[in-house]
Amino acid sequence: GISYDLHAGKTLAIVGESGSGKSVHALS
């Protein structure tokens, strides 16, 4: 259930310990 908006010229950091789903969400 992750939701967010990314705007042009901005950086959104996704943080959390290993296994939190960060890379899986990116590959999705």
mmCIF file of all heavy atoms, coordinates in Angstrom:
data_MODEL
# 
_entry.id   MODEL 
# 
loop_
_atom_site.group_PDB 
_atom_site.id 
_atom_site.type_symbol 
_atom_site.label_atom_id 
_atom_site.label_alt_id 
_atom_site.label_comp_id 
_atom_site.label_asym_id 
_atom_site.label_entity_id 
_atom_site.label_seq_id 
_atom_site.pdbx_PDB_ins_code 
_atom_site.Cartn_x 
_atom_site.Cartn_y 
_atom_site.Cartn_z 
_atom_site.occupancy 
_atom_site.B_iso_or_equiv 
_atom_site.pdbx_formal_charge 
_atom_site.auth_seq_id 
_atom_site.auth_comp_id 
_atom_site.auth_asym_id 
_atom_site.auth_atom_id 
_atom_site.pdbx_PDB_model_num 
ATOM 1   N N   . GLY A 1 1  ? 0.774  -1.236 0.000   1.00 0.00 ? 1  GLY A N   1 
ATOM 2   C CA  . GLY A 1 1  ? 0.000  0.000  0.000   1.00 0.00 ? 1  GLY A CA  1 
ATOM 3   C C   . GLY A 1 1  ? 0.803  1.282  0.000   1.00 0.00 ? 1  GLY A C   1 
ATOM 4   O O   . GLY A 1 1  ? 0.368  2.278  0.564   1.00 0.00 ? 1  GLY A O   1 
ATOM 5   N N   . ILE A 1 2  ? 1.950  1.293  -0.676  1.00 0.00 ? 2  ILE A N   1 
ATOM 6   C CA  . ILE A 1 2  ? 2.777  2.503  -0.711  1.00 0.00 ? 2  ILE A CA  1 
ATOM 7   C C   . ILE A 1 2  ? 2.210  3.504  -1.720  1.00 0.00 ? 2  ILE A C   1 
ATOM 8   O O   . ILE A 1 2  ? 1.764  3.134  -2.805  1.00 0.00 ? 2  ILE A O   1 
ATOM 9   C CB  . ILE A 1 2  ? 4.247  2.163  -1.044  1.00 0.00 ? 2  ILE A CB  1 
ATOM 10  C CG1 . ILE A 1 2  ? 5.123  3.421  -0.997  1.00 0.00 ? 2  ILE A CG1 1 
ATOM 11  C CG2 . ILE A 1 2  ? 4.384  1.454  -2.371  1.00 0.00 ? 2  ILE A CG2 1 
ATOM 12  C CD1 . ILE A 1 2  ? 6.599  3.149  -1.139  1.00 0.00 ? 2  ILE A CD1 1 
ATOM 13  N N   . SER A 1 3  ? 2.224  4.793  -1.350  1.00 0.00 ? 3  SER A N   1 
ATOM 14  C CA  . SER A 1 3  ? 1.746  5.877  -2.216  1.00 0.00 ? 3  SER A CA  1 
ATOM 15  C C   . SER A 1 3  ? 2.655  7.089  -2.066  1.00 0.00 ? 3  SER A C   1 
ATOM 16  O O   . SER A 1 3  ? 3.056  7.423  -0.945  1.00 0.00 ? 3  SER A O   1 
ATOM 17  C CB  . SER A 1 3  ? 0.313  6.287  -1.860  1.00 0.00 ? 3  SER A CB  1 
ATOM 18  O OG  . SER A 1 3  ? -0.587 5.221  -1.995  1.00 0.00 ? 3  SER A OG  1 
ATOM 19  N N   . TYR A 1 4  ? 2.968  7.736  -3.175  1.00 0.00 ? 4  TYR A N   1 
ATOM 20  C CA  . TYR A 1 4  ? 3.709  9.001  -3.124  1.00 0.00 ? 4  TYR A CA  1 
ATOM 21  C C   . TYR A 1 4  ? 3.672  9.670  -4.490  1.00 0.00 ? 4  TYR A C   1 
ATOM 22  O O   . TYR A 1 4  ? 3.346  9.038  -5.497  1.00 0.00 ? 4  TYR A O   1 
ATOM 23  C CB  . TYR A 1 4  ? 5.168  8.794  -2.681  1.00 0.00 ? 4  TYR A CB  1 
ATOM 24  C CG  . TYR A 1 4  ? 6.012  7.953  -3.618  1.00 0.00 ? 4  TYR A CG  1 
ATOM 25  C CD1 . TYR A 1 4  ? 6.547  8.480  -4.789  1.00 0.00 ? 4  TYR A CD1 1 
ATOM 26  C CD2 . TYR A 1 4  ? 6.295  6.623  -3.319  1.00 0.00 ? 4  TYR A CD2 1 
ATOM 27  C CE1 . TYR A 1 4  ? 7.312  7.712  -5.645  1.00 0.00 ? 4  TYR A CE1 1 
ATOM 28  C CE2 . TYR A 1 4  ? 7.060  5.846  -4.169  1.00 0.00 ? 4  TYR A CE2 1 
ATOM 29  C CZ  . TYR A 1 4  ? 7.574  6.393  -5.322  1.00 0.00 ? 4  TYR A CZ  1 
ATOM 30  O OH  . TYR A 1 4  ? 8.336  5.635  -6.176  1.00 0.00 ? 4  TYR A OH  1 
ATOM 31  N N   . ASP A 1 5  ? 4.015  10.971 -4.507  1.00 0.00 ? 5  ASP A N   1 
ATOM 32  C CA  . ASP A 1 5  ? 4.168  11.744 -5.738  1.00 0.00 ? 5  ASP A CA  1 
ATOM 33  C C   . ASP A 1 5  ? 5.598  12.242 -5.826  1.00 0.00 ? 5  ASP A C   1 
ATOM 34  O O   . ASP A 1 5  ? 6.162  12.721 -4.838  1.00 0.00 ? 5  ASP A O   1 
ATOM 35  C CB  . ASP A 1 5  ? 3.218  12.937 -5.764  1.00 0.00 ? 5  ASP A CB  1 
ATOM 36  C CG  . ASP A 1 5  ? 1.761  12.538 -5.922  1.00 0.00 ? 5  ASP A CG  1 
ATOM 37  O OD1 . ASP A 1 5  ? 1.511  11.447 -6.477  1.00 0.00 ? 5  ASP A OD1 1 
ATOM 38  O OD2 . ASP A 1 5  ? 0.881  13.301 -5.476  1.00 0.00 ? 5  ASP A OD2 1 
ATOM 39  N N   . LEU A 1 6  ? 6.184  12.146 -7.025  1.00 0.00 ? 6  LEU A N   1 
ATOM 40  C CA  . LEU A 1 6  ? 7.521  12.678 -7.292  1.00 0.00 ? 6  LEU A CA  1 
ATOM 41  C C   . LEU A 1 6  ? 7.398  13.795 -8.309  1.00 0.00 ? 6  LEU A C   1 
ATOM 42  O O   . LEU A 1 6  ? 6.780  13.623 -9.366  1.00 0.00 ? 6  LEU A O   1 
ATOM 43  C CB  . LEU A 1 6  ? 8.433  11.574 -7.837  1.00 0.00 ? 6  LEU A CB  1 
ATOM 44  C CG  . LEU A 1 6  ? 9.823  12.020 -8.297  1.00 0.00 ? 6  LEU A CG  1 
ATOM 45  C CD1 . LEU A 1 6  ? 10.688 12.424 -7.107  1.00 0.00 ? 6  LEU A CD1 1 
ATOM 46  C CD2 . LEU A 1 6  ? 10.505 10.907 -9.094  1.00 0.00 ? 6  LEU A CD2 1 
ATOM 47  N N   . HIS A 1 7  ? 7.987  14.961 -8.006  1.00 0.00 ? 7  HIS A N   1 
ATOM 48  C CA  . HIS A 1 7  ? 7.918  16.109 -8.904  1.00 0.00 ? 7  HIS A CA  1 
ATOM 49  C C   . HIS A 1 7  ? 9.248  16.327 -9.616  1.00 0.00 ? 7  HIS A C   1 
ATOM 50  O O   . HIS A 1 7  ? 10.313 15.920 -9.131  1.00 0.00 ? 7  HIS A O   1 
ATOM 51  C CB  . HIS A 1 7  ? 7.526  17.363 -8.126  1.00 0.00 ? 7  HIS A CB  1 
ATOM 52  C CG  . HIS A 1 7  ? 6.121  17.315 -7.612  1.00 0.00 ? 7  HIS A CG  1 
ATOM 53  N ND1 . HIS A 1 7  ? 5.795  16.769 -6.391  1.00 0.00 ? 7  HIS A ND1 1 
ATOM 54  C CD2 . HIS A 1 7  ? 4.948  17.735 -8.161  1.00 0.00 ? 7  HIS A CD2 1 
ATOM 55  C CE1 . HIS A 1 7  ? 4.491  16.851 -6.210  1.00 0.00 ? 7  HIS A CE1 1 
ATOM 56  N NE2 . HIS A 1 7  ? 3.950  17.440 -7.264  1.00 0.00 ? 7  HIS A NE2 1 
ATOM 57  N N   . ALA A 1 8  ? 9.179  16.951 -10.768 1.00 0.00 ? 8  ALA A N   1 
ATOM 58  C CA  . ALA A 1 8  ? 10.371 17.223 -11.580 1.00 0.00 ? 8  ALA A CA  1 
ATOM 59  C C   . ALA A 1 8  ? 11.371 18.054 -10.786 1.00 0.00 ? 8  ALA A C   1 
ATOM 60  O O   . ALA A 1 8  ? 10.999 19.014 -10.100 1.00 0.00 ? 8  ALA A O   1 
ATOM 61  C CB  . ALA A 1 8  ? 9.977  17.947 -12.868 1.00 0.00 ? 8  ALA A CB  1 
ATOM 62  N N   . GLY A 1 9  ? 12.632 17.670 -10.869 1.00 0.00 ? 9  GLY A N   1 
ATOM 63  C CA  . GLY A 1 9  ? 13.692 18.413 -10.195 1.00 0.00 ? 9  GLY A CA  1 
ATOM 64  C C   . GLY A 1 9  ? 13.801 18.142 -8.711  1.00 0.00 ? 9  GLY A C   1 
ATOM 65  O O   . GLY A 1 9  ? 14.627 18.755 -8.032  1.00 0.00 ? 9  GLY A O   1 
ATOM 66  N N   . LYS A 1 10 ? 12.994 17.220 -8.168  1.00 0.00 ? 10 LYS A N   1 
ATOM 67  C CA  . LYS A 1 10 ? 13.005 16.918 -6.741  1.00 0.00 ? 10 LYS A CA  1 
ATOM 68  C C   . LYS A 1 10 ? 13.530 15.503 -6.496  1.00 0.00 ? 10 LYS A C   1 
ATOM 69  O O   . LYS A 1 10 ? 13.501 14.643 -7.373  1.00 0.00 ? 10 LYS A O   1 
ATOM 70  C CB  . LYS A 1 10 ? 11.599 17.044 -6.147  1.00 0.00 ? 10 LYS A CB  1 
ATOM 71  C CG  . LYS A 1 10 ? 11.000 18.439 -6.272  1.00 0.00 ? 10 LYS A CG  1 
ATOM 72  C CD  . LYS A 1 10 ? 11.776 19.457 -5.450  1.00 0.00 ? 10 LYS A CD  1 
ATOM 73  C CE  . LYS A 1 10 ? 11.133 20.829 -5.514  1.00 0.00 ? 10 LYS A CE  1 
ATOM 74  N NZ  . LYS A 1 10 ? 11.882 21.837 -4.719  1.00 0.00 ? 10 LYS A NZ  1 
ATOM 75  N N   . THR A 1 11 ? 13.995 15.274 -5.260  1.00 0.00 ? 11 THR A N   1 
ATOM 76  C CA  . THR A 1 11 ? 14.481 13.959 -4.858  1.00 0.00 ? 11 THR A CA  1 
ATOM 77  C C   . THR A 1 11 ? 13.639 13.431 -3.710  1.00 0.00 ? 11 THR A C   1 
ATOM 78  O O   . THR A 1 11 ? 13.496 14.097 -2.675  1.00 0.00 ? 11 THR A O   1 
ATOM 79  C CB  . THR A 1 11 ? 15.953 14.019 -4.419  1.00 0.00 ? 11 THR A CB  1 
ATOM 80  O OG1 . THR A 1 11 ? 16.758 14.432 -5.530  1.00 0.00 ? 11 THR A OG1 1 
ATOM 81  C CG2 . THR A 1 11 ? 16.442 12.657 -3.946  1.00 0.00 ? 11 THR A CG2 1 
ATOM 82  N N   . LEU A 1 12 ? 13.056 12.259 -3.909  1.00 0.00 ? 12 LEU A N   1 
ATOM 83  C CA  . LEU A 1 12 ? 12.311 11.571 -2.869  1.00 0.00 ? 12 LEU A CA  1 
ATOM 84  C C   . LEU A 1 12 ? 13.143 10.392 -2.390  1.00 0.00 ? 12 LEU A C   1 
ATOM 85  O O   . LEU A 1 12 ? 13.509 9.529  -3.183  1.00 0.00 ? 12 LEU A O   1 
ATOM 86  C CB  . LEU A 1 12 ? 10.967 11.080 -3.397  1.00 0.00 ? 12 LEU A CB  1 
ATOM 87  C CG  . LEU A 1 12 ? 10.190 10.160 -2.456  1.00 0.00 ? 12 LEU A CG  1 
ATOM 88  C CD1 . LEU A 1 12 ? 9.588  10.958 -1.305  1.00 0.00 ? 12 LEU A CD1 1 
ATOM 89  C CD2 . LEU A 1 12 ? 9.090  9.407  -3.206  1.00 0.00 ? 12 LEU A CD2 1 
ATOM 90  N N   . ALA A 1 13 ? 13.452 10.352 -1.100  1.00 0.00 ? 13 ALA A N   1 
ATOM 91  C CA  . ALA A 1 13 ? 14.212 9.240  -0.537  1.00 0.00 ? 13 ALA A CA  1 
ATOM 92  C C   . ALA A 1 13 ? 13.255 8.211  0.047   1.00 0.00 ? 13 ALA A C   1 
ATOM 93  O O   . ALA A 1 13 ? 12.328 8.559  0.774   1.00 0.00 ? 13 ALA A O   1 
ATOM 94  C CB  . ALA A 1 13 ? 15.167 9.747  0.537   1.00 0.00 ? 13 ALA A CB  1 
ATOM 95  N N   . ILE A 1 14 ? 13.493 6.950  -0.284  1.00 0.00 ? 14 ILE A N   1 
ATOM 96  C CA  . ILE A 1 14 ? 12.761 5.833  0.326   1.00 0.00 ? 14 ILE A CA  1 
ATOM 97  C C   . ILE A 1 14 ? 13.726 5.152  1.280   1.00 0.00 ? 14 ILE A C   1 
ATOM 98  O O   . ILE A 1 14 ? 14.753 4.614  0.847   1.00 0.00 ? 14 ILE A O   1 
ATOM 99  C CB  . ILE A 1 14 ? 12.270 4.824  -0.733  1.00 0.00 ? 14 ILE A CB  1 
ATOM 100 C CG1 . ILE A 1 14 ? 11.546 5.527  -1.886  1.00 0.00 ? 14 ILE A CG1 1 
ATOM 101 C CG2 . ILE A 1 14 ? 11.403 3.756  -0.101  1.00 0.00 ? 14 ILE A CG2 1 
ATOM 102 C CD1 . ILE A 1 14 ? 10.188 6.047  -1.567  1.00 0.00 ? 14 ILE A CD1 1 
ATOM 103 N N   . VAL A 1 15 ? 13.430 5.180  2.579   1.00 0.00 ? 15 VAL A N   1 
ATOM 104 C CA  . VAL A 1 15 ? 14.357 4.640  3.575   1.00 0.00 ? 15 VAL A CA  1 
ATOM 105 C C   . VAL A 1 15 ? 13.707 3.524  4.368   1.00 0.00 ? 15 VAL A C   1 
ATOM 106 O O   . VAL A 1 15 ? 12.477 3.421  4.447   1.00 0.00 ? 15 VAL A O   1 
ATOM 107 C CB  . VAL A 1 15 ? 14.875 5.746  4.522   1.00 0.00 ? 15 VAL A CB  1 
ATOM 108 C CG1 . VAL A 1 15 ? 15.540 6.865  3.744   1.00 0.00 ? 15 VAL A CG1 1 
ATOM 109 C CG2 . VAL A 1 15 ? 13.760 6.305  5.390   1.00 0.00 ? 15 VAL A CG2 1 
ATOM 110 N N   . GLY A 1 16 ? 14.549 2.728  4.996   1.00 0.00 ? 16 GLY A N   1 
ATOM 111 C CA  . GLY A 1 16 ? 14.088 1.611  5.808   1.00 0.00 ? 16 GLY A CA  1 
ATOM 112 C C   . GLY A 1 16 ? 15.153 0.534  5.832   1.00 0.00 ? 16 GLY A C   1 
ATOM 113 O O   . GLY A 1 16 ? 16.047 0.508  4.992   1.00 0.00 ? 16 GLY A O   1 
ATOM 114 N N   . GLU A 1 17 ? 15.047 -0.371 6.799   1.00 0.00 ? 17 GLU A N   1 
ATOM 115 C CA  . GLU A 1 17 ? 16.051 -1.423 6.911   1.00 0.00 ? 17 GLU A CA  1 
ATOM 116 C C   . GLU A 1 17 ? 15.886 -2.445 5.794   1.00 0.00 ? 17 GLU A C   1 
ATOM 117 O O   . GLU A 1 17 ? 14.904 -2.430 5.049   1.00 0.00 ? 17 GLU A O   1 
ATOM 118 C CB  . GLU A 1 17 ? 15.970 -2.082 8.283   1.00 0.00 ? 17 GLU A CB  1 
ATOM 119 C CG  . GLU A 1 17 ? 14.639 -2.714 8.611   1.00 0.00 ? 17 GLU A CG  1 
ATOM 120 C CD  . GLU A 1 17 ? 14.520 -3.029 10.095  1.00 0.00 ? 17 GLU A CD  1 
ATOM 121 O OE1 . GLU A 1 17 ? 15.121 -4.026 10.535  1.00 0.00 ? 17 GLU A OE1 1 
ATOM 122 O OE2 . GLU A 1 17 ? 13.829 -2.281 10.815  1.00 0.00 ? 17 GLU A OE2 1 
ATOM 123 N N   . SER A 1 18 ? 16.854 -3.333 5.663   1.00 0.00 ? 18 SER A N   1 
ATOM 124 C CA  . SER A 1 18 ? 16.807 -4.358 4.621   1.00 0.00 ? 18 SER A CA  1 
ATOM 125 C C   . SER A 1 18 ? 15.537 -5.190 4.762   1.00 0.00 ? 18 SER A C   1 
ATOM 126 O O   . SER A 1 18 ? 15.134 -5.558 5.869   1.00 0.00 ? 18 SER A O   1 
ATOM 127 C CB  . SER A 1 18 ? 18.033 -5.273 4.729   1.00 0.00 ? 18 SER A CB  1 
ATOM 128 O OG  . SER A 1 18 ? 19.211 -4.531 4.505   1.00 0.00 ? 18 SER A OG  1 
ATOM 129 N N   . GLY A 1 19 ? 14.910 -5.488 3.620   1.00 0.00 ? 19 GLY A N   1 
ATOM 130 C CA  . GLY A 1 19 ? 13.688 -6.282 3.628   1.00 0.00 ? 19 GLY A CA  1 
ATOM 131 C C   . GLY A 1 19 ? 12.422 -5.475 3.793   1.00 0.00 ? 19 GLY A C   1 
ATOM 132 O O   . GLY A 1 19 ? 11.329 -6.046 3.922   1.00 0.00 ? 19 GLY A O   1 
ATOM 133 N N   . SER A 1 20 ? 12.519 -4.147 3.749   1.00 0.00 ? 20 SER A N   1 
ATOM 134 C CA  . SER A 1 20 ? 11.321 -3.321 3.944   1.00 0.00 ? 20 SER A CA  1 
ATOM 135 C C   . SER A 1 20 ? 10.517 -3.113 2.670   1.00 0.00 ? 20 SER A C   1 
ATOM 136 O O   . SER A 1 20 ? 9.444  -2.521 2.706   1.00 0.00 ? 20 SER A O   1 
ATOM 137 C CB  . SER A 1 20 ? 11.711 -1.965 4.547   1.00 0.00 ? 20 SER A CB  1 
ATOM 138 O OG  . SER A 1 20 ? 12.593 -1.275 3.696   1.00 0.00 ? 20 SER A OG  1 
ATOM 139 N N   . GLY A 1 21 ? 11.046 -3.558 1.528   1.00 0.00 ? 21 GLY A N   1 
ATOM 140 C CA  . GLY A 1 21 ? 10.292 -3.449 0.271   1.00 0.00 ? 21 GLY A CA  1 
ATOM 141 C C   . GLY A 1 21 ? 10.746 -2.332 -0.639  1.00 0.00 ? 21 GLY A C   1 
ATOM 142 O O   . GLY A 1 21 ? 10.115 -2.073 -1.668  1.00 0.00 ? 21 GLY A O   1 
ATOM 143 N N   . LYS A 1 22 ? 11.863 -1.686 -0.306  1.00 0.00 ? 22 LYS A N   1 
ATOM 144 C CA  . LYS A 1 22 ? 12.310 -0.521 -1.087  1.00 0.00 ? 22 LYS A CA  1 
ATOM 145 C C   . LYS A 1 22 ? 12.649 -0.912 -2.526  1.00 0.00 ? 22 LYS A C   1 
ATOM 146 O O   . LYS A 1 22 ? 12.169 -0.298 -3.483  1.00 0.00 ? 22 LYS A O   1 
ATOM 147 C CB  . LYS A 1 22 ? 13.556 0.109  -0.423  1.00 0.00 ? 22 LYS A CB  1 
ATOM 148 C CG  . LYS A 1 22 ? 13.376 0.493  1.021   1.00 0.00 ? 22 LYS A CG  1 
ATOM 149 C CD  . LYS A 1 22 ? 14.578 1.217  1.590   1.00 0.00 ? 22 LYS A CD  1 
ATOM 150 C CE  . LYS A 1 22 ? 15.875 0.424  1.556   1.00 0.00 ? 22 LYS A CE  1 
ATOM 151 N NZ  . LYS A 1 22 ? 15.836 -0.777 2.410   1.00 0.00 ? 22 LYS A NZ  1 
ATOM 152 N N   . SER A 1 23 ? 13.500 -1.909 -2.695  1.00 0.00 ? 23 SER A N   1 
ATOM 153 C CA  . SER A 1 23 ? 13.937 -2.297 -4.041  1.00 0.00 ? 23 SER A CA  1 
ATOM 154 C C   . SER A 1 23 ? 12.821 -2.982 -4.824  1.00 0.00 ? 23 SER A C   1 
ATOM 155 O O   . SER A 1 23 ? 12.707 -2.801 -6.046  1.00 0.00 ? 23 SER A O   1 
ATOM 156 C CB  . SER A 1 23 ? 15.168 -3.217 -3.959  1.00 0.00 ? 23 SER A CB  1 
ATOM 157 O OG  . SER A 1 23 ? 16.265 -2.533 -3.398  1.00 0.00 ? 23 SER A OG  1 
ATOM 158 N N   . VAL A 1 24 ? 11.988 -3.764 -4.140  1.00 0.00 ? 24 VAL A N   1 
ATOM 159 C CA  . VAL A 1 24 ? 10.868 -4.430 -4.822  1.00 0.00 ? 24 VAL A CA  1 
ATOM 160 C C   . VAL A 1 24 ? 9.919  -3.396 -5.418  1.00 0.00 ? 24 VAL A C   1 
ATOM 161 O O   . VAL A 1 24 ? 9.450  -3.540 -6.552  1.00 0.00 ? 24 VAL A O   1 
ATOM 162 C CB  . VAL A 1 24 ? 10.121 -5.367 -3.853  1.00 0.00 ? 24 VAL A CB  1 
ATOM 163 C CG1 . VAL A 1 24 ? 8.823  -5.879 -4.483  1.00 0.00 ? 24 VAL A CG1 1 
ATOM 164 C CG2 . VAL A 1 24 ? 11.003 -6.542 -3.469  1.00 0.00 ? 24 VAL A CG2 1 
ATOM 165 N N   . HIS A 1 25 ? 9.665  -2.328 -4.674  1.00 0.00 ? 25 HIS A N   1 
ATOM 166 C CA  . HIS A 1 25 ? 8.781  -1.285 -5.199  1.00 0.00 ? 25 HIS A CA  1 
ATOM 167 C C   . HIS A 1 25 ? 9.397  -0.635 -6.436  1.00 0.00 ? 25 HIS A C   1 
ATOM 168 O O   . HIS A 1 25 ? 8.709  -0.344 -7.418  1.00 0.00 ? 25 HIS A O   1 
ATOM 169 C CB  . HIS A 1 25 ? 8.489  -0.253 -4.099  1.00 0.00 ? 25 HIS A CB  1 
ATOM 170 C CG  . HIS A 1 25 ? 8.886  1.141  -4.419  1.00 0.00 ? 25 HIS A CG  1 
ATOM 171 N ND1 . HIS A 1 25 ? 10.147 1.620  -4.146  1.00 0.00 ? 25 HIS A ND1 1 
ATOM 172 C CD2 . HIS A 1 25 ? 8.213  2.167  -5.013  1.00 0.00 ? 25 HIS A CD2 1 
ATOM 173 C CE1 . HIS A 1 25 ? 10.231 2.871  -4.554  1.00 0.00 ? 25 HIS A CE1 1 
ATOM 174 N NE2 . HIS A 1 25 ? 9.085  3.234  -5.081  1.00 0.00 ? 25 HIS A NE2 1 
ATOM 175 N N   . ALA A 1 26 ? 10.739 -0.428 -6.423  1.00 0.00 ? 26 ALA A N   1 
ATOM 176 C CA  . ALA A 1 26 ? 11.401 0.198  -7.572  1.00 0.00 ? 26 ALA A CA  1 
ATOM 177 C C   . ALA A 1 26 ? 11.349 -0.704 -8.798  1.00 0.00 ? 26 ALA A C   1 
ATOM 178 O O   . ALA A 1 26 ? 11.087 -0.243 -9.911  1.00 0.00 ? 26 ALA A O   1 
ATOM 179 C CB  . ALA A 1 26 ? 12.851 0.518  -7.212  1.00 0.00 ? 26 ALA A CB  1 
ATOM 180 N N   . LEU A 1 27 ? 11.596 -1.987 -8.611  1.00 0.00 ? 27 LEU A N   1 
ATOM 181 C CA  . LEU A 1 27 ? 11.540 -2.932 -9.730  1.00 0.00 ? 27 LEU A CA  1 
ATOM 182 C C   . LEU A 1 27 ? 10.121 -3.059 -10.275 1.00 0.00 ? 27 LEU A C   1 
ATOM 183 O O   . LEU A 1 27 ? 9.926  -3.323 -11.465 1.00 0.00 ? 27 LEU A O   1 
ATOM 184 C CB  . LEU A 1 27 ? 12.067 -4.299 -9.284  1.00 0.00 ? 27 LEU A CB  1 
ATOM 185 C CG  . LEU A 1 27 ? 13.559 -4.335 -8.926  1.00 0.00 ? 27 LEU A CG  1 
ATOM 186 C CD1 . LEU A 1 27 ? 13.925 -5.685 -8.314  1.00 0.00 ? 27 LEU A CD1 1 
ATOM 187 C CD2 . LEU A 1 27 ? 14.427 -4.062 -10.152 1.00 0.00 ? 27 LEU A CD2 1 
ATOM 188 N N   . SER A 1 28 ? 9.136  -2.831 -9.413  1.00 0.00 ? 28 SER A N   1 
ATOM 189 C CA  . SER A 1 28 ? 7.737  -2.858 -9.867  1.00 0.00 ? 28 SER A CA  1 
ATOM 190 C C   . SER A 1 28 ? 7.435  -1.685 -10.792 1.00 0.00 ? 28 SER A C   1 
ATOM 191 O O   . SER A 1 28 ? 6.677  -1.827 -11.753 1.00 0.00 ? 28 SER A O   1 
ATOM 192 C CB  . SER A 1 28 ? 6.790  -2.811 -8.663  1.00 0.00 ? 28 SER A CB  1 
ATOM 193 O OG  . SER A 1 28 ? 7.011  -3.901 -7.801  1.00 0.00 ? 28 SER A OG  1 
# 
